[in-house]
Amino acid sequence: MTSNDNLPLSEQAFLARTPDDAVLVRVAVKGSILGVQLEPKAMRDNMHELAQRIMACADVAYLQGQVALRQQMEHAQLDPVCYADFPTERDLAAARDRLRNL
């Protein structure tokens, strides 16, 4: 999900959260982490588990942006070689599954 669909894709950010809404991470389409929000229940995890949850959210948010870029290139009918190395919906689904299973 983007923070503002009215912005050009290059300026949008993507948000991912754990199923219990304890960890939220916002990532720019370019890949930089813009924010991490931890709810009190997240602090019940040991630090290794918490780090895994943060990273899993960051992965999903990042992949959302990369898949959106890929879709934009496909829609523009660019040569597939231009986006061949970009993540796919399958990559995003795998990251979402990983996040769900933490």
PDB file of N, CA and C in Angstrom:
ATOM      1  N   MET A   1       0.842  -1.169   0.000  1.00  0.00           N
ATOM      2  CA  MET A   1       0.000   0.000   0.000  1.00  0.00           C
ATOM      3  C   MET A   1       0.884   1.227   0.000  1.00  0.00           C
ATOM      4  N   THR A   2       0.491   2.237  -0.747  1.00  0.00           N
ATOM      5  CA  THR A   2       1.288   3.443  -0.812  1.00  0.00           C
ATOM      6  C   THR A   2       0.748   4.469   0.153  1.00  0.00           C
ATOM      7  N   SER A   3       1.601   5.393   0.528  1.00  0.00           N
ATOM      8  CA  SER A   3       1.177   6.430   1.448  1.00  0.00           C
ATOM      9  C   SER A   3       0.366   7.506   0.730  1.00  0.00           C
ATOM     10  N   ASN A   4       0.588   7.688  -0.569  1.00  0.00           N
ATOM     11  CA  ASN A   4      -0.159   8.689  -1.313  1.00  0.00           C
ATOM     12  C   ASN A   4      -0.119   8.340  -2.795  1.00  0.00           C
ATOM     13  N   ASP A   5      -1.194   7.787  -3.293  1.00  0.00           N
ATOM     14  CA  ASP A   5      -1.255   7.346  -4.686  1.00  0.00           C
ATOM     15  C   ASP A   5      -1.258   8.512  -5.666  1.00  0.00           C
ATOM     16  N   ASN A   6      -1.474   9.746  -5.193  1.00  0.00           N
ATOM     17  CA  ASN A   6      -1.480  10.901  -6.085  1.00  0.00           C
ATOM     18  C   ASN A   6      -0.072  11.364  -6.433  1.00  0.00           C
ATOM     19  N   LEU A   7       0.916  10.911  -5.698  1.00  0.00           N
ATOM     20  CA  LEU A   7       2.305  11.274  -5.967  1.00  0.00           C
ATOM     21  C   LEU A   7       2.865  10.414  -7.091  1.00  0.00           C
ATOM     22  N   PRO A   8       3.864  10.941  -7.798  1.00  0.00           N
ATOM     23  CA  PRO A   8       4.553  10.079  -8.760  1.00  0.00           C
ATOM     24  C   PRO A   8       5.148   8.877  -8.027  1.00  0.00           C
ATOM     25  N   LEU A   9       5.236   7.766  -8.700  1.00  0.00           N
ATOM     26  CA  LEU A   9       5.734   6.544  -8.067  1.00  0.00           C
ATOM     27  C   LEU A   9       7.095   6.770  -7.415  1.00  0.00           C
ATOM     28  N   SER A  10       7.940   7.572  -8.029  1.00  0.00           N
ATOM     29  CA  SER A  10       9.281   7.811  -7.484  1.00  0.00           C
ATOM     30  C   SER A  10       9.262   8.496  -6.124  1.00  0.00           C
ATOM     31  N   GLU A  11       8.139   9.091  -5.744  1.00  0.00           N
ATOM     32  CA  GLU A  11       8.030   9.794  -4.468  1.00  0.00           C
ATOM     33  C   GLU A  11       7.139   9.060  -3.465  1.00  0.00           C
ATOM     34  N   GLN A  12       6.642   7.910  -3.829  1.00  0.00           N
ATOM     35  CA  GLN A  12       5.741   7.174  -2.944  1.00  0.00           C
ATOM     36  C   GLN A  12       6.508   6.333  -1.937  1.00  0.00           C
ATOM     37  N   ALA A  13       5.820   5.983  -0.885  1.00  0.00           N
ATOM     38  CA  ALA A  13       6.375   5.102   0.139  1.00  0.00           C
ATOM     39  C   ALA A  13       5.405   3.942   0.332  1.00  0.00           C
ATOM     40  N   PHE A  14       5.951   2.836   0.793  1.00  0.00           N
ATOM     41  CA  PHE A  14       5.152   1.622   0.973  1.00  0.00           C
ATOM     42  C   PHE A  14       5.254   1.169   2.419  1.00  0.00           C
ATOM     43  N   LEU A  15       4.163   0.650   2.935  1.00  0.00           N
ATOM     44  CA  LEU A  15       4.062   0.279   4.336  1.00  0.00           C
ATOM     45  C   LEU A  15       3.780  -1.211   4.460  1.00  0.00           C
ATOM     46  N   ALA A  16       4.459  -1.829   5.396  1.00  0.00           N
ATOM     47  CA  ALA A  16       4.161  -3.229   5.726  1.00  0.00           C
ATOM     48  C   ALA A  16       4.086  -3.332   7.239  1.00  0.00           C
ATOM     49  N   ARG A  17       3.263  -4.255   7.699  1.00  0.00           N
ATOM     50  CA  ARG A  17       3.070  -4.443   9.140  1.00  0.00           C
ATOM     51  C   ARG A  17       2.935  -5.914   9.457  1.00  0.00           C
ATOM     52  N   THR A  18       3.270  -6.237  10.682  1.00  0.00           N
ATOM     53  CA  THR A  18       3.091  -7.611  11.129  1.00  0.00           C
ATOM     54  C   THR A  18       1.591  -7.876  11.288  1.00  0.00           C
ATOM     55  N   PRO A  19       1.183  -9.134  11.239  1.00  0.00           N
ATOM     56  CA  PRO A  19      -0.243  -9.445  11.366  1.00  0.00           C
ATOM     57  C   PRO A  19      -0.877  -8.918  12.663  1.00  0.00           C
ATOM     58  N   ASP A  20      -0.075  -8.797  13.720  1.00  0.00           N
ATOM     59  CA  ASP A  20      -0.618  -8.287  14.984  1.00  0.00           C
ATOM     60  C   ASP A  20      -0.491  -6.770  15.116  1.00  0.00           C
ATOM     61  N   ASP A  21      -0.051  -6.110  14.057  1.00  0.00           N
ATOM     62  CA  ASP A  21       0.129  -4.651  14.026  1.00  0.00           C
ATOM     63  C   ASP A  21       1.115  -4.141  15.074  1.00  0.00           C
ATOM     64  N   ALA A  22       2.006  -4.990  15.529  1.00  0.00           N
ATOM     65  CA  ALA A  22       2.990  -4.582  16.534  1.00  0.00           C
ATOM     66  C   ALA A  22       4.195  -3.886  15.915  1.00  0.00           C
ATOM     67  N   VAL A  23       4.498  -4.200  14.653  1.00  0.00           N
ATOM     68  CA  VAL A  23       5.650  -3.624  13.949  1.00  0.00           C
ATOM     69  C   VAL A  23       5.174  -3.105  12.604  1.00  0.00           C
ATOM     70  N   LEU A  24       5.510  -1.848  12.318  1.00  0.00           N
ATOM     71  CA  LEU A  24       5.187  -1.232  11.033  1.00  0.00           C
ATOM     72  C   LEU A  24       6.462  -0.609  10.490  1.00  0.00           C
ATOM     73  N   VAL A  25       6.683  -0.784   9.186  1.00  0.00           N
ATOM     74  CA  VAL A  25       7.867  -0.217   8.549  1.00  0.00           C
ATOM     75  C   VAL A  25       7.423   0.456   7.252  1.00  0.00           C
ATOM     76  N   ARG A  26       7.903   1.677   7.053  1.00  0.00           N
ATOM     77  CA  ARG A  26       7.609   2.453   5.848  1.00  0.00           C
ATOM     78  C   ARG A  26       8.907   2.610   5.059  1.00  0.00           C
ATOM     79  N   VAL A  27       8.844   2.291   3.761  1.00  0.00           N
ATOM     80  CA  VAL A  27      10.023   2.282   2.906  1.00  0.00           C
ATOM     81  C   VAL A  27       9.732   3.091   1.639  1.00  0.00           C
ATOM     82  N   ALA A  28      10.686   3.935   1.251  1.00  0.00           N
ATOM     83  CA  ALA A  28      10.572   4.687   0.000  1.00  0.00           C
ATOM     84  C   ALA A  28      10.722   3.723  -1.167  1.00  0.00           C
ATOM     85  N   VAL A  29      10.152   4.074  -2.296  1.00  0.00           N
ATOM     86  CA  VAL A  29      10.238   3.214  -3.472  1.00  0.00           C
ATOM     87  C   VAL A  29      11.696   2.962  -3.854  1.00  0.00           C
ATOM     88  N   LYS A  30      12.578   3.888  -3.529  1.00  0.00           N
ATOM     89  CA  LYS A  30      14.005   3.719  -3.830  1.00  0.00           C
ATOM     90  C   LYS A  30      14.695   2.774  -2.850  1.00  0.00           C
ATOM     91  N   GLY A  31      14.013   2.403  -1.767  1.00  0.00           N
ATOM     92  CA  GLY A  31      14.551   1.399  -0.862  1.00  0.00           C
ATOM     93  C   GLY A  31      14.969   1.884   0.500  1.00  0.00           C
ATOM     94  N   SER A  32      15.002   3.179   0.732  1.00  0.00           N
ATOM     95  CA  SER A  32      15.419   3.648   2.059  1.00  0.00           C
ATOM     96  C   SER A  32      14.274   3.512   3.057  1.00  0.00           C
ATOM     97  N   ILE A  33      14.629   3.132   4.264  1.00  0.00           N
ATOM     98  CA  ILE A  33      13.627   2.996   5.321  1.00  0.00           C
ATOM     99  C   ILE A  33      13.310   4.391   5.842  1.00  0.00           C
ATOM    100  N   LEU A  34      12.037   4.745   5.801  1.00  0.00           N
ATOM    101  CA  LEU A  34      11.591   6.064   6.222  1.00  0.00           C
ATOM    102  C   LEU A  34      11.115   6.075   7.660  1.00  0.00           C
ATOM    103  N   GLY A  35      10.701   4.922   8.165  1.00  0.00           N
ATOM    104  CA  GLY A  35      10.228   4.883   9.535  1.00  0.00           C
ATOM    105  C   GLY A  35       9.945   3.477  10.008  1.00  0.00           C
ATOM    106  N   VAL A  36      10.137   3.298  11.289  1.00  0.00           N
ATOM    107  CA  VAL A  36       9.814   2.037  11.959  1.00  0.00           C
ATOM    108  C   VAL A  36       8.981   2.403  13.176  1.00  0.00           C
ATOM    109  N   GLN A  37       7.839   1.762  13.301  1.00  0.00           N
ATOM    110  CA  GLN A  37       6.986   1.999  14.462  1.00  0.00           C
ATOM    111  C   GLN A  37       6.833   0.689  15.215  1.00  0.00           C
ATOM    112  N   LEU A  38       7.115   0.737  16.502  1.00  0.00           N
ATOM    113  CA  LEU A  38       6.974  -0.437  17.360  1.00  0.00           C
ATOM    114  C   LEU A  38       5.907  -0.158  18.399  1.00  0.00           C
ATOM    115  N   GLU A  39       4.918  -0.992  18.425  1.00  0.00           N
ATOM    116  CA  GLU A  39       3.886  -0.904  19.452  1.00  0.00           C
ATOM    117  C   GLU A  39       4.384  -1.622  20.704  1.00  0.00           C
ATOM    118  N   PRO A  40       3.831  -1.313  21.861  1.00  0.00           N
ATOM    119  CA  PRO A  40       4.316  -1.931  23.112  1.00  0.00           C
ATOM    120  C   PRO A  40       4.371  -3.460  23.065  1.00  0.00           C
ATOM    121  N   LYS A  41       3.416  -4.092  22.404  1.00  0.00           N
ATOM    122  CA  LYS A  41       3.431  -5.558  22.369  1.00  0.00           C
ATOM    123  C   LYS A  41       4.638  -6.103  21.604  1.00  0.00           C
ATOM    124  N   ALA A  42       5.237  -5.302  20.725  1.00  0.00           N
ATOM    125  CA  ALA A  42       6.431  -5.752  19.998  1.00  0.00           C
ATOM    126  C   ALA A  42       7.606  -5.929  20.951  1.00  0.00           C
ATOM    127  N   MET A  43       7.602  -5.209  22.030  1.00  0.00           N
ATOM    128  CA  MET A  43       8.724  -5.256  22.965  1.00  0.00           C
ATOM    129  C   MET A  43       8.722  -6.530  23.812  1.00  0.00           C
ATOM    130  N   ARG A  44       7.686  -7.331  23.675  1.00  0.00           N
ATOM    131  CA  ARG A  44       7.650  -8.631  24.378  1.00  0.00           C
ATOM    132  C   ARG A  44       8.530  -9.666  23.692  1.00  0.00           C
ATOM    133  N   ASP A  45       8.851  -9.435  22.419  1.00  0.00           N
ATOM    134  CA  ASP A  45       9.719 -10.349  21.674  1.00  0.00           C
ATOM    135  C   ASP A  45      11.154 -10.197  22.154  1.00  0.00           C
ATOM    136  N   ASN A  46      11.930 -11.280  22.031  1.00  0.00           N
ATOM    137  CA  ASN A  46      13.353 -11.090  22.291  1.00  0.00           C
ATOM    138  C   ASN A  46      13.924 -10.289  21.118  1.00  0.00           C
ATOM    139  N   MET A  47      15.098  -9.748  21.287  1.00  0.00           N
ATOM    140  CA  MET A  47      15.650  -8.828  20.289  1.00  0.00           C
ATOM    141  C   MET A  47      15.865  -9.487  18.922  1.00  0.00           C
ATOM    142  N   HIS A  48      16.216 -10.762  18.912  1.00  0.00           N
ATOM    143  CA  HIS A  48      16.387 -11.473  17.636  1.00  0.00           C
ATOM    144  C   HIS A  48      15.051 -11.561  16.899  1.00  0.00           C
ATOM    145  N   GLU A  49      13.992 -11.927  17.594  1.00  0.00           N
ATOM    146  CA  GLU A  49      12.668 -12.017  16.969  1.00  0.00           C
ATOM    147  C   GLU A  49      12.194 -10.646  16.494  1.00  0.00           C
ATOM    148  N   LEU A  50      12.430  -9.636  17.303  1.00  0.00           N
ATOM    149  CA  LEU A  50      12.020  -8.289  16.927  1.00  0.00           C
ATOM    150  C   LEU A  50      12.759  -7.844  15.664  1.00  0.00           C
ATOM    151  N   ALA A  51      14.040  -8.104  15.602  1.00  0.00           N
ATOM    152  CA  ALA A  51      14.823  -7.752  14.411  1.00  0.00           C
ATOM    153  C   ALA A  51      14.293  -8.488  13.183  1.00  0.00           C
ATOM    154  N   GLN A  52      13.944  -9.757  13.337  1.00  0.00           N
ATOM    155  CA  GLN A  52      13.391 -10.521  12.209  1.00  0.00           C
ATOM    156  C   GLN A  52      12.083  -9.907  11.725  1.00  0.00           C
ATOM    157  N   ARG A  53      11.258  -9.479  12.665  1.00  0.00           N
ATOM    158  CA  ARG A  53       9.966  -8.888  12.301  1.00  0.00           C
ATOM    159  C   ARG A  53      10.158  -7.551  11.580  1.00  0.00           C
ATOM    160  N   ILE A  54      11.095  -6.742  12.065  1.00  0.00           N
ATOM    161  CA  ILE A  54      11.375  -5.466  11.417  1.00  0.00           C
ATOM    162  C   ILE A  54      11.897  -5.699  10.001  1.00  0.00           C
ATOM    163  N   MET A  55      12.846  -6.615   9.870  1.00  0.00           N
ATOM    164  CA  MET A  55      13.423  -6.886   8.551  1.00  0.00           C
ATOM    165  C   MET A  55      12.385  -7.480   7.590  1.00  0.00           C
ATOM    166  N   ALA A  56      11.525  -8.342   8.087  1.00  0.00           N
ATOM    167  CA  ALA A  56      10.488  -8.930   7.233  1.00  0.00           C
ATOM    168  C   ALA A  56       9.524  -7.848   6.744  1.00  0.00           C
ATOM    169  N   CYS A  57       9.166  -6.914   7.608  1.00  0.00           N
ATOM    170  CA  CYS A  57       8.309  -5.799   7.194  1.00  0.00           C
ATOM    171  C   CYS A  57       9.029  -4.937   6.161  1.00  0.00           C
ATOM    172  N   ALA A  58      10.305  -4.651   6.410  1.00  0.00           N
ATOM    173  CA  ALA A  58      11.081  -3.835   5.476  1.00  0.00           C
ATOM    174  C   ALA A  58      11.167  -4.527   4.117  1.00  0.00           C
ATOM    175  N   ASP A  59      11.365  -5.833   4.121  1.00  0.00           N
ATOM    176  CA  ASP A  59      11.429  -6.582   2.859  1.00  0.00           C
ATOM    177  C   ASP A  59      10.126  -6.459   2.082  1.00  0.00           C
ATOM    178  N   VAL A  60       9.003  -6.642   2.762  1.00  0.00           N
ATOM    179  CA  VAL A  60       7.706  -6.577   2.085  1.00  0.00           C
ATOM    180  C   VAL A  60       7.467  -5.172   1.537  1.00  0.00           C
ATOM    181  N   ALA A  61       7.716  -4.151   2.333  1.00  0.00           N
ATOM    182  CA  ALA A  61       7.492  -2.777   1.884  1.00  0.00           C
ATOM    183  C   ALA A  61       8.395  -2.456   0.690  1.00  0.00           C
ATOM    184  N   TYR A  62       9.656  -2.856   0.772  1.00  0.00           N
ATOM    185  CA  TYR A  62      10.592  -2.623  -0.329  1.00  0.00           C
ATOM    186  C   TYR A  62      10.122  -3.338  -1.604  1.00  0.00           C
ATOM    187  N   LEU A  63       9.738  -4.595  -1.458  1.00  0.00           N
ATOM    188  CA  LEU A  63       9.298  -5.362  -2.629  1.00  0.00           C
ATOM    189  C   LEU A  63       8.014  -4.801  -3.232  1.00  0.00           C
ATOM    190  N   GLN A  64       7.143  -4.247  -2.404  1.00  0.00           N
ATOM    191  CA  GLN A  64       5.935  -3.609  -2.936  1.00  0.00           C
ATOM    192  C   GLN A  64       6.326  -2.490  -3.904  1.00  0.00           C
ATOM    193  N   GLY A  65       7.290  -1.685  -3.497  1.00  0.00           N
ATOM    194  CA  GLY A  65       7.751  -0.597  -4.359  1.00  0.00           C
ATOM    195  C   GLY A  65       8.412  -1.098  -5.625  1.00  0.00           C
ATOM    196  N   GLN A  66       9.243  -2.127  -5.487  1.00  0.00           N
ATOM    197  CA  GLN A  66       9.942  -2.664  -6.657  1.00  0.00           C
ATOM    198  C   GLN A  66       8.974  -3.316  -7.638  1.00  0.00           C
ATOM    199  N   VAL A  67       7.972  -4.000  -7.132  1.00  0.00           N
ATOM    200  CA  VAL A  67       6.958  -4.611  -8.008  1.00  0.00           C
ATOM    201  C   VAL A  67       6.143  -3.517  -8.692  1.00  0.00           C
ATOM    202  N   ALA A  68       5.851  -2.439  -7.978  1.00  0.00           N
ATOM    203  CA  ALA A  68       5.132  -1.319  -8.594  1.00  0.00           C
ATOM    204  C   ALA A  68       5.962  -0.707  -9.724  1.00  0.00           C
ATOM    205  N   LEU A  69       7.263  -0.581  -9.516  1.00  0.00           N
ATOM    206  CA  LEU A  69       8.142  -0.078 -10.581  1.00  0.00           C
ATOM    207  C   LEU A  69       8.135  -1.021 -11.781  1.00  0.00           C
ATOM    208  N   ARG A  70       8.209  -2.311 -11.486  1.00  0.00           N
ATOM    209  CA  ARG A  70       8.194  -3.301 -12.571  1.00  0.00           C
ATOM    210  C   ARG A  70       6.902  -3.194 -13.367  1.00  0.00           C
ATOM    211  N   GLN A  71       5.782  -3.089 -12.650  1.00  0.00           N
ATOM    212  CA  GLN A  71       4.489  -2.990 -13.321  1.00  0.00           C
ATOM    213  C   GLN A  71       4.403  -1.726 -14.174  1.00  0.00           C
ATOM    214  N   GLN A  72       4.989  -0.639 -13.673  1.00  0.00           N
ATOM    215  CA  GLN A  72       4.997   0.608 -14.442  1.00  0.00           C
ATOM    216  C   GLN A  72       5.790   0.436 -15.736  1.00  0.00           C
ATOM    217  N   MET A  73       6.912  -0.259 -15.660  1.00  0.00           N
ATOM    218  CA  MET A  73       7.725  -0.502 -16.857  1.00  0.00           C
ATOM    219  C   MET A  73       7.009  -1.433 -17.841  1.00  0.00           C
ATOM    220  N   GLU A  74       6.354  -2.463 -17.286  1.00  0.00           N
ATOM    221  CA  GLU A  74       5.600  -3.368 -18.155  1.00  0.00           C
ATOM    222  C   GLU A  74       4.467  -2.616 -18.859  1.00  0.00           C
ATOM    223  N   HIS A  75       3.772  -1.781 -18.087  1.00  0.00           N
ATOM    224  CA  HIS A  75       2.660  -1.004 -18.640  1.00  0.00           C
ATOM    225  C   HIS A  75       3.149  -0.049 -19.736  1.00  0.00           C
ATOM    226  N   ALA A  76       4.345   0.483 -19.561  1.00  0.00           N
ATOM    227  CA  ALA A  76       4.928   1.382 -20.570  1.00  0.00           C
ATOM    228  C   ALA A  76       5.469   0.606 -21.770  1.00  0.00           C
ATOM    229  N   GLN A  77       5.354  -0.709 -21.713  1.00  0.00           N
ATOM    230  CA  GLN A  77       5.796  -1.605 -22.784  1.00  0.00           C
ATOM    231  C   GLN A  77       7.284  -1.439 -23.112  1.00  0.00           C
ATOM    232  N   LEU A  78       8.075  -1.284 -22.054  1.00  0.00           N
ATOM    233  CA  LEU A  78       9.523  -1.244 -22.238  1.00  0.00           C
ATOM    234  C   LEU A  78      10.023  -2.642 -22.585  1.00  0.00           C
ATOM    235  N   ASP A  79      11.188  -2.685 -23.137  1.00  0.00           N
ATOM    236  CA  ASP A  79      11.829  -3.967 -23.434  1.00  0.00           C
ATOM    237  C   ASP A  79      11.984  -4.730 -22.117  1.00  0.00           C
ATOM    238  N   PRO A  80      11.546  -5.985 -22.041  1.00  0.00           N
ATOM    239  CA  PRO A  80      11.636  -6.765 -20.805  1.00  0.00           C
ATOM    240  C   PRO A  80      13.032  -6.825 -20.198  1.00  0.00           C
ATOM    241  N   VAL A  81      14.053  -6.622 -21.000  1.00  0.00           N
ATOM    242  CA  VAL A  81      15.406  -6.625 -20.446  1.00  0.00           C
ATOM    243  C   VAL A  81      15.575  -5.485 -19.439  1.00  0.00           C
ATOM    244  N   CYS A  82      14.789  -4.426 -19.556  1.00  0.00           N
ATOM    245  CA  CYS A  82      14.886  -3.272 -18.649  1.00  0.00           C
ATOM    246  C   CYS A  82      14.471  -3.614 -17.222  1.00  0.00           C
ATOM    247  N   TYR A  83      13.587  -4.583 -17.075  1.00  0.00           N
ATOM    248  CA  TYR A  83      13.097  -4.919 -15.737  1.00  0.00           C
ATOM    249  C   TYR A  83      13.269  -6.403 -15.408  1.00  0.00           C
ATOM    250  N   ALA A  84      14.091  -7.069 -16.150  1.00  0.00           N
ATOM    251  CA  ALA A  84      14.285  -8.509 -15.946  1.00  0.00           C
ATOM    252  C   ALA A  84      14.785  -8.840 -14.541  1.00  0.00           C
ATOM    253  N   ASP A  85      15.581  -7.960 -13.957  1.00  0.00           N
ATOM    254  CA  ASP A  85      16.131  -8.225 -12.622  1.00  0.00           C
ATOM    255  C   ASP A  85      15.265  -7.684 -11.494  1.00  0.00           C
ATOM    256  N   PHE A  86      14.152  -7.043 -11.815  1.00  0.00           N
ATOM    257  CA  PHE A  86      13.275  -6.519 -10.783  1.00  0.00           C
ATOM    258  C   PHE A  86      12.486  -7.663 -10.136  1.00  0.00           C
ATOM    259  N   PRO A  87      12.179  -7.531  -8.854  1.00  0.00           N
ATOM    260  CA  PRO A  87      11.369  -8.554  -8.185  1.00  0.00           C
ATOM    261  C   PRO A  87       9.998  -8.704  -8.853  1.00  0.00           C
ATOM    262  N   THR A  88       9.446  -9.871  -8.680  1.00  0.00           N
ATOM    263  CA  THR A  88       8.146 -10.189  -9.272  1.00  0.00           C
ATOM    264  C   THR A  88       7.083 -10.296  -8.175  1.00  0.00           C
ATOM    265  N   GLU A  89       5.844 -10.436  -8.610  1.00  0.00           N
ATOM    266  CA  GLU A  89       4.735 -10.672  -7.669  1.00  0.00           C
ATOM    267  C   GLU A  89       5.011 -11.929  -6.837  1.00  0.00           C
ATOM    268  N   ARG A  90       5.633 -12.913  -7.447  1.00  0.00           N
ATOM    269  CA  ARG A  90       5.959 -14.151  -6.731  1.00  0.00           C
ATOM    270  C   ARG A  90       6.949 -13.864  -5.584  1.00  0.00           C
ATOM    271  N   ASP A  91       7.937 -13.012  -5.839  1.00  0.00           N
ATOM    272  CA  ASP A  91       8.892 -12.628  -4.801  1.00  0.00           C
ATOM    273  C   ASP A  91       8.176 -11.900  -3.656  1.00  0.00           C
ATOM    274  N   LEU A  92       7.267 -11.013  -4.019  1.00  0.00           N
ATOM    275  CA  LEU A  92       6.501 -10.275  -3.011  1.00  0.00           C
ATOM    276  C   LEU A  92       5.618 -11.229  -2.209  1.00  0.00           C
ATOM    277  N   ALA A  93       4.982 -12.163  -2.874  1.00  0.00           N
ATOM    278  CA  ALA A  93       4.130 -13.134  -2.165  1.00  0.00           C
ATOM    279  C   ALA A  93       4.950 -13.973  -1.191  1.00  0.00           C
ATOM    280  N   ALA A  94       6.146 -14.368  -1.587  1.00  0.00           N
ATOM    281  CA  ALA A  94       7.014 -15.144  -0.694  1.00  0.00           C
ATOM    282  C   ALA A  94       7.407 -14.319   0.528  1.00  0.00           C
ATOM    283  N   ALA A  95       7.698 -13.043   0.327  1.00  0.00           N
ATOM    284  CA  ALA A  95       8.050 -12.173   1.455  1.00  0.00           C
ATOM    285  C   ALA A  95       6.854 -11.977   2.380  1.00  0.00           C
ATOM    286  N   ARG A  96       5.666 -11.845   1.799  1.00  0.00           N
ATOM    287  CA  ARG A  96       4.454 -11.710   2.631  1.00  0.00           C
ATOM    288  C   ARG A  96       4.198 -12.976   3.429  1.00  0.00           C
ATOM    289  N   ASP A  97       4.423 -14.132   2.823  1.00  0.00           N
ATOM    290  CA  ASP A  97       4.267 -15.402   3.542  1.00  0.00           C
ATOM    291  C   ASP A  97       5.248 -15.480   4.712  1.00  0.00           C
ATOM    292  N   ARG A  98       6.489 -15.095   4.454  1.00  0.00           N
ATOM    293  CA  ARG A  98       7.500 -15.109   5.519  1.00  0.00           C
ATOM    294  C   ARG A  98       7.063 -14.207   6.675  1.00  0.00           C
ATOM    295  N   LEU A  99       6.585 -13.018   6.356  1.00  0.00           N
ATOM    296  CA  LEU A  99       6.128 -12.087   7.379  1.00  0.00           C
ATOM    297  C   LEU A  99       4.958 -12.673   8.167  1.00  0.00           C
ATOM    298  N   ARG A 100       4.022 -13.268   7.461  1.00  0.00           N
ATOM    299  CA  ARG A 100       2.852 -13.871   8.119  1.00  0.00           C
ATOM    300  C   ARG A 100       3.236 -14.995   9.061  1.00  0.00           C
ATOM    301  N   ASN A 101       4.305 -15.714   8.736  1.00  0.00           N
ATOM    302  CA  ASN A 101       4.688 -16.884   9.516  1.00  0.00           C
ATOM    303  C   ASN A 101       5.650 -16.590  10.651  1.00  0.00           C
ATOM    304  N   LEU A 102       6.006 -15.340  10.848  1.00  0.00           N
ATOM    305  CA  LEU A 102       6.899 -15.011  11.978  1.00  0.00           C
ATOM    306  C   LEU A 102       6.141 -15.010  13.280  1.00  0.00           C
TER     307      LEU A 102
END
